[in-house]
Amino acid sequence: MSTRRTPPARQVHLAAQLPGIHNVTVWSDPRSGSQIAIDSFVRLAQTAERGKFDFFFLAEGLRLREHRGRIYDLDIAGRPENLTMLGALAAVTTRLGLAATVNATFNEPYEVARRFATLDRLSGGRAAWNVVTSYDAFTGENFRRGGFLPEADRYTRAAEFLAVARTLWDSWADGDLRADAAAGAFVRAGAGRFAHHGHHFDIAGRFSTPPGPQGHPVVIQSGESDAGREFAASDADVIFSRHNQLGAAQAFYRDVKRRLARYGRAPDDLKILPTANAVVADTDEEAAAYAEEIARELVSPGTALAHLEAVWGRDLSAYDPDGPLPDVEPEDEAHFLKGHSVFRKGRAETARRWRELAAERDLSIRELVIEVGGRPTFVGSPRTVADAIDHFVRTEGADGFVLVPHLIPGGLDDVVDRVVPLLQEKGVFREDYTGTTLRDHLGLSPNYENEEEEKESTA
């Protein structure tokens, strides 16, 4: 008689982000520490590693956004450069993956590939690259090329940029660093030689830096458009999703996963990790009250008006944040918030949906902004939050989450100390790291193309 085996529980992947953009951190809270001091980065990264998280992620923008010509004060000014900071964190962590946003529009493949190869070697195989693009001349003003790249070309450039980086990483094979004193040979004669002739890049030469233990760092992508989803399905190992409400998340998950087959990839070859935040307290009622307090701290009266002006494209300073929505229509071509990608398209449709929601629930301007973007994802006791995270993953809304704390640097403590042990108890989260590289943590296949080249080079 055969016995039916219970399938293994779907494992939850967790990552942590120290935010630098958007209104997700209550920097004005007296419990909040510095958003830019190295100690804050170290503490949050070490907390994530104590919780056996997959990786620690740093977002980045290439220009401080502006609202009506002034620095948008919900961005963090003065943030250190990502890869430099992660190099420092590699020295104070041992297993935690280290992920950085680096822009593919205003950089060059050679220098980016070299920096990531260095980080991967420095960290023992823990590097990840979040590949992003820029669409606007406003950001381009910081660079010599300005806003030269049409928006339609940004993903084609990014795809070619990534292909060139992979060519550079693959230009070194195992055994190329010979250090053979007897033969008087330090490197193999052809080590690092490359050539790429394409639409956006036409380069050839010698790549100076052998790749790290992963061969290719983990590639992360965060596109939401059809082109972005296709880019992720063809080239990414992880995709950040903004969908942290279960129904929409399941639809996104199904859509992206089904695209993988056309590139010869299996569903587990790409991990989908929405950004999320958690509010944990002793009881569900206490957590709900605390979450409401956080929401109102995140969306001040001024923040509420700034968000509305970003959608309406109008000066709404005369309106009461605690009053009804404006009775004027949006100016779809006007941009009050520059450098912000969230409200740049479909603003008339966004305004229509917001009006419907406000009318249906009798919401003021501030209450509406809180409702559409200011509420934490998981709220409750440790058991409630653990069950909700597990349910989200079991029902294929995600493979896990990138958790963004509302307080820096102590905002992950409750999740690590009170929620993670319950996920471990359920058998859905690791008790300890079982590998040394980020690819190990994510359950991703090694870089087979690189391995084959290595075998050929040493045959």
Protein backbone atom coordinates (compact mmCIF):
# COMPACT_ATOMS: atom_id res chain seq x y z
CA MET A 1 0.00 0.00 0.00
CA SER A 2 1.37 3.38 -0.98
CA THR A 3 1.24 6.25 1.44
CA ARG A 4 0.55 9.77 0.35
CA ARG A 5 3.30 12.16 1.34
CA THR A 6 2.45 15.62 2.58
CA PRO A 7 4.09 18.15 0.26
CA PRO A 8 6.67 20.33 1.98
CA ALA A 9 5.43 23.68 3.21
CA ARG A 10 6.19 26.62 0.94
CA GLN A 11 9.14 28.43 2.43
CA VAL A 12 8.94 32.14 3.21
CA HIS A 13 11.74 34.43 2.02
CA LEU A 14 12.35 37.62 3.99
CA ALA A 15 14.53 40.62 3.22
CA ALA A 16 14.93 44.01 4.88
CA GLN A 17 15.15 47.48 3.37
CA LEU A 18 16.52 50.63 4.92
CA PRO A 19 14.32 53.12 3.10
CA GLY A 20 15.48 56.35 1.59
CA ILE A 21 12.55 57.44 -0.55
CA HIS A 22 8.76 57.68 -0.16
CA ASN A 23 6.91 58.32 3.09
CA VAL A 24 7.54 55.00 4.83
CA THR A 25 9.85 56.07 7.66
CA VAL A 26 8.73 58.23 10.56
CA TRP A 27 12.00 60.14 10.81
CA SER A 28 10.42 62.74 13.11
CA ASP A 29 9.48 60.16 15.76
CA PRO A 30 11.59 60.61 18.94
CA ARG A 31 12.38 56.88 18.84
CA SER A 32 13.89 57.20 15.37
CA GLY A 33 17.65 57.39 14.97
CA SER A 34 19.74 58.82 12.18
CA GLN A 35 18.74 57.90 8.65
CA ILE A 36 22.28 58.36 7.30
CA ALA A 37 24.70 57.33 10.08
CA ILE A 38 26.69 54.13 9.54
CA ASP A 39 25.54 52.84 12.94
CA SER A 40 21.92 52.77 11.75
CA PHE A 41 22.83 50.70 8.70
CA VAL A 42 24.94 48.32 10.79
CA ARG A 43 22.26 47.75 13.40
CA LEU A 44 19.47 47.11 10.90
CA ALA A 45 21.65 44.77 8.81
CA GLN A 46 22.77 42.82 11.85
CA THR A 47 19.18 42.55 13.05
CA ALA A 48 18.17 41.13 9.67
CA GLU A 49 21.04 38.63 9.83
CA ARG A 50 20.04 37.63 13.37
CA GLY A 51 16.61 36.89 11.90
CA LYS A 52 18.20 34.75 9.12
CA PHE A 53 16.84 37.07 6.41
CA ASP A 54 17.93 36.48 2.82
CA PHE A 55 19.27 39.95 2.14
CA PHE A 56 19.51 43.61 3.15
CA PHE A 57 18.45 46.08 0.46
CA LEU A 58 19.29 49.72 -0.20
CA ALA A 59 17.17 51.74 -2.61
CA GLU A 60 18.54 54.83 -4.28
CA GLY A 61 17.53 57.74 -6.47
CA LEU A 62 19.92 59.77 -8.58
CA ARG A 63 18.31 63.09 -7.78
CA LEU A 64 16.52 64.53 -4.79
CA ARG A 65 12.91 64.90 -5.80
CA GLU A 66 11.29 68.32 -5.69
CA HIS A 67 7.83 69.45 -4.74
CA ARG A 68 7.04 72.92 -6.08
CA GLY A 69 10.75 73.58 -6.51
CA ARG A 70 11.74 72.56 -2.98
CA ILE A 71 13.34 69.30 -1.81
CA TYR A 72 10.62 66.78 -1.10
CA ASP A 73 11.12 66.31 2.63
CA LEU A 74 9.94 62.68 2.70
CA ASP A 75 13.11 61.69 0.87
CA ILE A 76 16.20 61.27 2.99
CA ALA A 77 18.86 63.81 2.01
CA GLY A 78 22.49 62.94 2.64
CA ARG A 79 22.28 59.17 2.16
CA PRO A 80 25.65 57.48 1.44
CA GLU A 81 26.22 55.77 -1.91
CA ASN A 82 24.87 52.21 -1.91
CA LEU A 83 27.79 50.02 -2.93
CA THR A 84 30.23 51.85 -0.69
CA MET A 85 27.88 51.30 2.26
CA LEU A 86 27.36 47.62 1.42
CA GLY A 87 31.12 47.13 1.22
CA ALA A 88 31.31 48.37 4.81
CA LEU A 89 28.44 46.11 5.86
CA ALA A 90 30.17 43.09 4.33
CA ALA A 91 32.75 43.45 7.11
CA VAL A 92 30.18 43.31 9.94
CA THR A 93 27.94 40.52 8.59
CA THR A 94 28.76 36.97 7.54
CA ARG A 95 25.77 35.43 5.70
CA LEU A 96 23.29 38.21 4.92
CA GLY A 97 22.89 39.07 1.23
CA LEU A 98 23.74 42.66 0.25
CA ALA A 99 21.56 44.22 -2.44
CA ALA A 100 21.98 47.65 -4.03
CA THR A 101 20.01 49.69 -6.54
CA VAL A 102 22.27 50.86 -9.37
CA ASN A 103 20.85 52.71 -12.36
CA ALA A 104 21.31 51.31 -15.87
CA THR A 105 20.48 54.60 -17.61
CA PHE A 106 23.22 56.85 -16.21
CA ASN A 107 26.06 54.37 -15.66
CA GLU A 108 28.34 52.25 -17.83
CA PRO A 109 28.44 48.42 -17.80
CA TYR A 110 32.19 48.11 -17.26
CA GLU A 111 32.30 50.12 -14.05
CA VAL A 112 29.08 48.65 -12.63
CA ALA A 113 30.15 45.06 -13.40
CA ARG A 114 33.50 45.72 -11.73
CA ARG A 115 31.91 47.18 -8.60
CA PHE A 116 29.52 44.24 -8.21
CA ALA A 117 32.25 41.67 -8.88
CA THR A 118 34.26 43.38 -6.15
CA LEU A 119 31.34 43.36 -3.69
CA ASP A 120 30.66 39.69 -4.43
CA ARG A 121 34.30 38.78 -3.76
CA LEU A 122 34.48 41.04 -0.70
CA SER A 123 31.34 39.49 0.83
CA GLY A 124 32.01 35.87 -0.09
CA GLY A 125 29.20 35.64 -2.64
CA ARG A 126 26.43 37.79 -1.17
CA ALA A 127 25.99 40.57 -3.76
CA ALA A 128 22.77 41.50 -5.57
CA TRP A 129 22.02 44.22 -8.11
CA ASN A 130 18.62 45.90 -8.36
CA VAL A 131 18.60 47.05 -11.99
CA VAL A 132 16.58 50.24 -12.43
CA THR A 133 16.11 52.79 -15.19
CA SER A 134 15.41 56.52 -15.30
CA TYR A 135 12.80 58.01 -17.60
CA ASP A 136 13.06 61.76 -17.08
CA ALA A 137 15.25 64.67 -18.10
CA PHE A 138 14.87 66.03 -14.55
CA THR A 139 17.10 63.22 -13.25
CA GLY A 140 19.26 63.49 -16.36
CA GLU A 141 20.19 67.07 -15.52
CA ASN A 142 22.67 65.64 -13.01
CA PHE A 143 24.55 63.91 -15.85
CA ARG A 144 26.40 64.93 -18.99
CA ARG A 145 23.96 63.10 -21.26
CA GLY A 146 20.93 64.75 -19.72
CA GLY A 147 17.55 63.39 -20.76
CA PHE A 148 18.83 61.88 -23.98
CA LEU A 149 17.17 58.46 -23.70
CA PRO A 150 13.56 58.10 -24.89
CA GLU A 151 11.43 56.30 -22.35
CA ALA A 152 10.60 53.55 -24.85
CA ASP A 153 14.31 52.65 -25.01
CA ARG A 154 15.00 52.43 -21.30
CA TYR A 155 14.33 48.69 -20.98
CA THR A 156 16.18 47.85 -24.18
CA ARG A 157 19.21 49.71 -22.81
CA ALA A 158 18.81 48.01 -19.42
CA ALA A 159 18.60 44.55 -21.03
CA GLU A 160 21.71 45.21 -23.11
CA PHE A 161 23.47 46.75 -20.10
CA LEU A 162 22.84 43.57 -18.11
CA ALA A 163 23.95 41.39 -21.05
CA VAL A 164 27.22 43.31 -21.26
CA ALA A 165 27.78 42.97 -17.51
CA ARG A 166 27.29 39.22 -17.79
CA THR A 167 29.73 39.09 -20.69
CA LEU A 168 32.28 40.87 -18.52
CA TRP A 169 31.73 38.54 -15.54
CA ASP A 170 32.05 35.52 -17.85
CA SER A 171 35.29 36.81 -19.38
CA TRP A 172 37.15 35.25 -16.46
CA ALA A 173 37.03 31.47 -16.03
CA ASP A 174 38.02 29.25 -13.15
CA GLY A 175 41.76 28.81 -13.24
CA ASP A 176 42.52 32.09 -14.99
CA LEU A 177 44.25 33.35 -11.86
CA ARG A 178 47.13 30.86 -12.01
CA ALA A 179 49.76 32.39 -9.71
CA ASP A 180 52.19 29.74 -11.01
CA ALA A 181 55.62 30.82 -9.81
CA ALA A 182 57.39 27.92 -11.47
CA ALA A 183 55.99 28.81 -14.88
CA GLY A 184 56.26 32.53 -14.25
CA ALA A 185 52.55 32.96 -15.08
CA PHE A 186 50.18 34.89 -12.87
CA VAL A 187 47.10 34.81 -15.16
CA ARG A 188 46.04 32.85 -18.22
CA ALA A 189 46.85 34.71 -21.43
CA GLY A 190 43.21 35.26 -22.47
CA ALA A 191 41.83 36.15 -19.07
CA GLY A 192 39.29 38.96 -19.06
CA ARG A 193 39.15 39.44 -22.82
CA PHE A 194 35.72 40.53 -24.05
CA ALA A 195 33.90 42.17 -26.94
CA HIS A 196 30.32 43.41 -27.27
CA HIS A 197 28.90 45.15 -30.32
CA GLY A 198 25.32 46.25 -29.83
CA HIS A 199 22.86 49.11 -30.24
CA HIS A 200 23.62 50.91 -26.97
CA PHE A 201 27.15 49.66 -26.25
CA ASP A 202 30.08 48.92 -28.53
CA ILE A 203 33.06 47.98 -26.37
CA ALA A 204 35.96 45.53 -26.37
CA GLY A 205 38.97 45.03 -24.17
CA ARG A 206 40.00 43.33 -20.95
CA PHE A 207 37.86 43.13 -17.82
CA SER A 208 40.06 43.72 -14.81
CA THR A 209 38.17 41.97 -12.00
CA PRO A 210 37.52 38.21 -11.72
CA PRO A 211 33.94 37.46 -10.64
CA GLY A 212 33.03 36.52 -7.09
CA PRO A 213 31.79 33.17 -5.75
CA GLN A 214 28.35 33.54 -7.34
CA GLY A 215 29.72 34.08 -10.84
CA HIS A 216 26.88 36.51 -11.51
CA PRO A 217 25.47 38.49 -8.59
CA VAL A 218 21.74 37.99 -7.98
CA VAL A 219 19.77 40.27 -10.32
CA ILE A 220 16.71 42.10 -8.96
CA GLN A 221 14.17 44.04 -10.99
CA SER A 222 11.19 46.14 -9.95
CA GLY A 223 9.29 46.97 -13.13
CA GLU A 224 5.49 46.99 -13.03
CA SER A 225 4.76 47.69 -16.71
CA ASP A 226 4.36 44.93 -19.27
CA ALA A 227 7.91 45.61 -20.50
CA GLY A 228 9.19 45.52 -16.92
CA ARG A 229 7.48 42.19 -16.23
CA GLU A 230 8.91 40.73 -19.42
CA PHE A 231 12.40 41.97 -18.52
CA ALA A 232 12.08 40.33 -15.10
CA ALA A 233 10.85 37.05 -16.58
CA SER A 234 13.75 36.89 -19.02
CA ASP A 235 16.63 38.20 -16.90
CA ALA A 236 15.90 38.63 -13.18
CA ASP A 237 16.32 36.35 -10.18
CA VAL A 238 14.07 38.44 -7.91
CA ILE A 239 11.32 40.93 -8.70
CA PHE A 240 10.13 43.55 -6.24
CA SER A 241 6.39 43.98 -6.39
CA ARG A 242 4.24 46.78 -5.02
CA HIS A 243 1.30 44.37 -4.70
CA ASN A 244 0.92 43.51 -1.03
CA GLN A 245 -2.88 43.09 -1.05
CA LEU A 246 -3.61 39.43 -1.63
CA GLY A 247 -5.98 39.51 -4.63
CA ALA A 248 -3.87 41.86 -6.73
CA ALA A 249 -0.71 40.09 -5.58
CA GLN A 250 -1.99 36.69 -6.73
CA ALA A 251 -2.86 38.09 -10.16
CA PHE A 252 0.59 39.66 -10.50
CA TYR A 253 2.26 36.45 -9.29
CA ARG A 254 0.42 34.29 -11.84
CA ASP A 255 1.12 36.71 -14.68
CA VAL A 256 4.87 36.98 -14.08
CA LYS A 257 5.40 33.29 -13.32
CA ARG A 258 3.62 32.18 -16.51
CA ARG A 259 6.02 34.33 -18.58
CA LEU A 260 9.06 32.36 -17.42
CA ALA A 261 8.43 29.30 -19.60
CA ARG A 262 9.01 31.20 -22.85
CA TYR A 263 12.57 31.83 -21.67
CA GLY A 264 13.16 28.21 -20.66
CA ARG A 265 12.87 29.02 -16.98
CA ALA A 266 11.02 27.27 -14.14
CA PRO A 267 8.69 29.10 -11.71
CA ASP A 268 11.21 28.85 -8.86
CA ASP A 269 13.89 30.56 -10.96
CA LEU A 270 12.33 33.94 -10.11
CA LYS A 271 11.31 34.97 -6.59
CA ILE A 272 8.54 37.56 -6.24
CA LEU A 273 8.92 39.69 -3.12
CA PRO A 274 6.49 42.56 -2.49
CA THR A 275 7.55 45.38 -0.20
CA ALA A 276 5.61 45.32 3.05
CA ASN A 277 5.69 46.57 6.61
CA ALA A 278 4.52 45.07 9.87
CA VAL A 279 3.17 46.46 13.13
CA VAL A 280 3.43 43.97 15.99
CA ALA A 281 2.06 44.29 19.52
CA ASP A 282 0.92 41.97 22.29
CA THR A 283 -2.65 41.88 21.02
CA ASP A 284 -4.41 42.57 17.73
CA GLU A 285 -6.22 45.50 19.33
CA GLU A 286 -3.01 47.13 20.55
CA ALA A 287 -1.39 46.62 17.17
CA ALA A 288 -4.37 48.20 15.38
CA ALA A 289 -4.20 51.27 17.61
CA TYR A 290 -0.45 51.56 17.07
CA ALA A 291 -0.87 51.13 13.31
CA GLU A 292 -3.36 53.99 13.22
CA GLU A 293 -0.89 56.17 15.12
CA ILE A 294 1.87 55.29 12.64
CA ALA A 295 -0.38 55.99 9.66
CA ARG A 296 -1.12 59.49 10.91
CA GLU A 297 2.58 60.11 11.56
CA LEU A 298 3.44 58.96 8.05
CA VAL A 299 0.76 61.12 6.43
CA SER A 300 0.88 64.55 8.03
CA PRO A 301 -1.47 67.28 6.75
CA GLY A 302 1.34 68.62 4.57
CA THR A 303 2.14 65.17 3.22
CA ALA A 304 -1.51 64.60 2.34
CA LEU A 305 -1.65 67.81 0.30
CA ALA A 306 1.69 67.03 -1.39
CA HIS A 307 0.35 63.66 -2.54
CA LEU A 308 -2.86 65.21 -3.80
CA GLU A 309 -0.98 67.95 -5.66
CA ALA A 310 1.19 65.27 -7.29
CA VAL A 311 -1.95 63.70 -8.76
CA TRP A 312 -3.94 66.87 -9.46
CA GLY A 313 -1.00 68.87 -10.85
CA ARG A 314 -2.40 71.97 -9.13
CA ASP A 315 -1.63 74.19 -6.18
CA LEU A 316 -4.02 72.90 -3.51
CA SER A 317 -2.55 74.78 -0.56
CA ALA A 318 -5.85 76.58 0.00
CA TYR A 319 -7.64 73.31 0.72
CA ASP A 320 -8.10 71.89 4.22
CA PRO A 321 -6.32 68.50 4.55
CA ASP A 322 -9.10 67.44 6.91
CA GLY A 323 -11.76 68.58 4.45
CA PRO A 324 -13.20 67.07 1.26
CA LEU A 325 -11.33 66.51 -2.00
CA PRO A 326 -11.02 69.51 -4.34
CA ASP A 327 -13.87 70.13 -6.75
CA VAL A 328 -11.47 71.04 -9.60
CA GLU A 329 -10.21 68.56 -12.18
CA PRO A 330 -6.55 67.46 -12.48
CA GLU A 331 -4.14 69.15 -14.87
CA ASP A 332 -2.81 65.98 -16.44
CA GLU A 333 0.28 67.57 -18.01
CA ALA A 334 1.37 69.57 -14.96
CA HIS A 335 3.94 68.02 -12.61
CA PHE A 336 4.21 69.46 -9.12
CA LEU A 337 6.35 66.61 -7.84
CA LYS A 338 9.41 66.14 -10.04
CA GLY A 339 11.45 62.95 -10.06
CA HIS A 340 8.63 60.82 -8.62
CA SER A 341 7.58 57.88 -10.79
CA VAL A 342 4.47 56.87 -8.84
CA PHE A 343 2.10 59.63 -9.97
CA ARG A 344 3.44 60.46 -13.40
CA LYS A 345 1.00 58.41 -15.52
CA GLY A 346 -2.75 57.94 -15.55
CA ARG A 347 -3.31 60.70 -13.05
CA ALA A 348 -6.82 61.49 -14.30
CA GLU A 349 -7.80 57.86 -13.72
CA THR A 350 -6.12 57.90 -10.29
CA ALA A 351 -8.09 61.03 -9.36
CA ARG A 352 -11.34 59.39 -10.52
CA ARG A 353 -10.72 56.30 -8.35
CA TRP A 354 -9.74 58.42 -5.38
CA ARG A 355 -12.93 60.48 -5.69
CA GLU A 356 -15.03 57.31 -5.75
CA LEU A 357 -13.30 55.92 -2.67
CA ALA A 358 -13.58 59.21 -0.78
CA ALA A 359 -17.29 59.52 -1.61
CA GLU A 360 -18.02 55.90 -0.74
CA ARG A 361 -16.34 56.09 2.67
CA ASP A 362 -16.75 59.81 3.41
CA LEU A 363 -13.00 60.40 3.62
CA SER A 364 -11.17 63.68 4.01
CA ILE A 365 -8.05 64.41 1.94
CA ARG A 366 -5.75 63.16 4.69
CA GLU A 367 -7.89 60.10 5.43
CA LEU A 368 -7.91 59.23 1.74
CA VAL A 369 -4.11 59.45 1.38
CA ILE A 370 -3.73 57.27 4.48
CA GLU A 371 -6.15 54.75 3.02
CA VAL A 372 -4.52 54.48 -0.42
CA GLY A 373 -0.91 54.33 0.70
CA GLY A 374 -0.27 54.93 4.37
CA ARG A 375 -1.44 51.77 6.13
CA PRO A 376 0.90 48.97 7.26
CA THR A 377 0.58 45.63 5.48
CA PHE A 378 0.60 43.24 8.45
CA VAL A 379 -0.93 44.34 11.74
CA GLY A 380 -1.53 42.24 14.83
CA SER A 381 -0.07 40.04 17.52
CA PRO A 382 3.03 38.01 16.63
CA ARG A 383 0.83 34.98 15.88
CA THR A 384 -1.56 37.01 13.69
CA VAL A 385 1.31 38.49 11.67
CA ALA A 386 3.09 35.14 11.28
CA ASP A 387 -0.14 33.47 10.12
CA ALA A 388 -0.83 36.27 7.64
CA ILE A 389 2.67 36.10 6.11
CA ASP A 390 2.45 32.31 5.85
CA HIS A 391 -1.03 32.46 4.26
CA PHE A 392 0.11 35.05 1.70
CA VAL A 393 2.95 32.79 0.56
CA ARG A 394 1.00 29.52 0.73
CA THR A 395 -1.73 30.95 -1.51
CA GLU A 396 0.84 32.18 -4.07
CA GLY A 397 0.54 35.88 -3.53
CA ALA A 398 4.32 36.04 -3.16
CA ASP A 399 7.44 34.04 -2.39
CA GLY A 400 8.14 36.31 0.58
CA PHE A 401 8.51 39.97 1.48
CA VAL A 402 10.96 42.86 1.63
CA LEU A 403 10.10 44.36 5.00
CA VAL A 404 10.44 48.13 5.35
CA PRO A 405 10.43 49.30 8.97
CA HIS A 406 8.75 52.56 9.95
CA LEU A 407 11.46 53.28 12.53
CA ILE A 408 15.23 53.28 11.96
CA PRO A 409 17.21 51.47 13.24
CA GLY A 410 15.05 49.42 15.64
CA GLY A 411 11.97 48.85 13.50
CA LEU A 412 12.70 45.20 12.69
CA ASP A 413 13.21 44.04 16.27
CA ASP A 414 9.64 42.87 16.89
CA VAL A 415 9.52 40.92 13.62
CA VAL A 416 12.86 39.21 14.23
CA ASP A 417 12.32 38.50 17.92
CA ARG A 418 8.60 37.68 17.96
CA VAL A 419 7.38 36.76 14.46
CA VAL A 420 10.31 34.85 12.96
CA PRO A 421 10.32 32.21 15.76
CA LEU A 422 6.66 31.46 14.98
CA LEU A 423 7.42 31.09 11.26
CA GLN A 424 10.22 28.71 12.21
CA GLU A 425 7.82 26.81 14.46
CA LYS A 426 5.49 26.42 11.47
CA GLY A 427 8.35 24.96 9.44
CA VAL A 428 8.12 27.69 6.77
CA PHE A 429 11.28 29.65 7.59
CA ARG A 430 14.88 28.53 8.07
CA GLU A 431 16.27 27.87 11.54
CA ASP A 432 19.69 28.87 10.31
CA TYR A 433 21.53 29.60 7.07
CA THR A 434 22.38 26.40 5.20
CA GLY A 435 24.56 28.01 2.54
CA THR A 436 27.08 30.79 2.21
CA THR A 437 25.89 32.73 -0.84
CA LEU A 438 22.77 34.74 -1.54
CA ARG A 439 21.88 32.30 -4.31
CA ASP A 440 21.94 29.57 -1.67
CA HIS A 441 19.54 31.54 0.56
CA LEU A 442 17.09 32.16 -2.28
CA GLY A 443 17.23 28.57 -3.55
CA LEU A 444 18.41 29.76 -6.96
CA SER A 445 20.37 27.60 -9.38
CA PRO A 446 24.08 28.35 -9.81
CA ASN A 447 25.22 30.16 -12.90
CA TYR A 448 25.36 27.19 -15.26
CA GLU A 449 26.53 29.20 -18.28
CA ASN A 450 29.52 30.42 -16.33
CA GLU A 451 30.21 26.90 -15.03
CA GLU A 452 30.23 25.48 -18.57
CA GLU A 453 32.66 28.16 -19.71
CA GLU A 454 34.87 27.37 -16.75
CA LYS A 455 34.87 23.67 -17.65
CA GLU A 456 35.79 24.44 -21.26
CA SER A 457 38.56 26.79 -20.25
CA THR A 458 40.21 24.21 -17.99
CA ALA A 459 39.67 21.19 -20.24
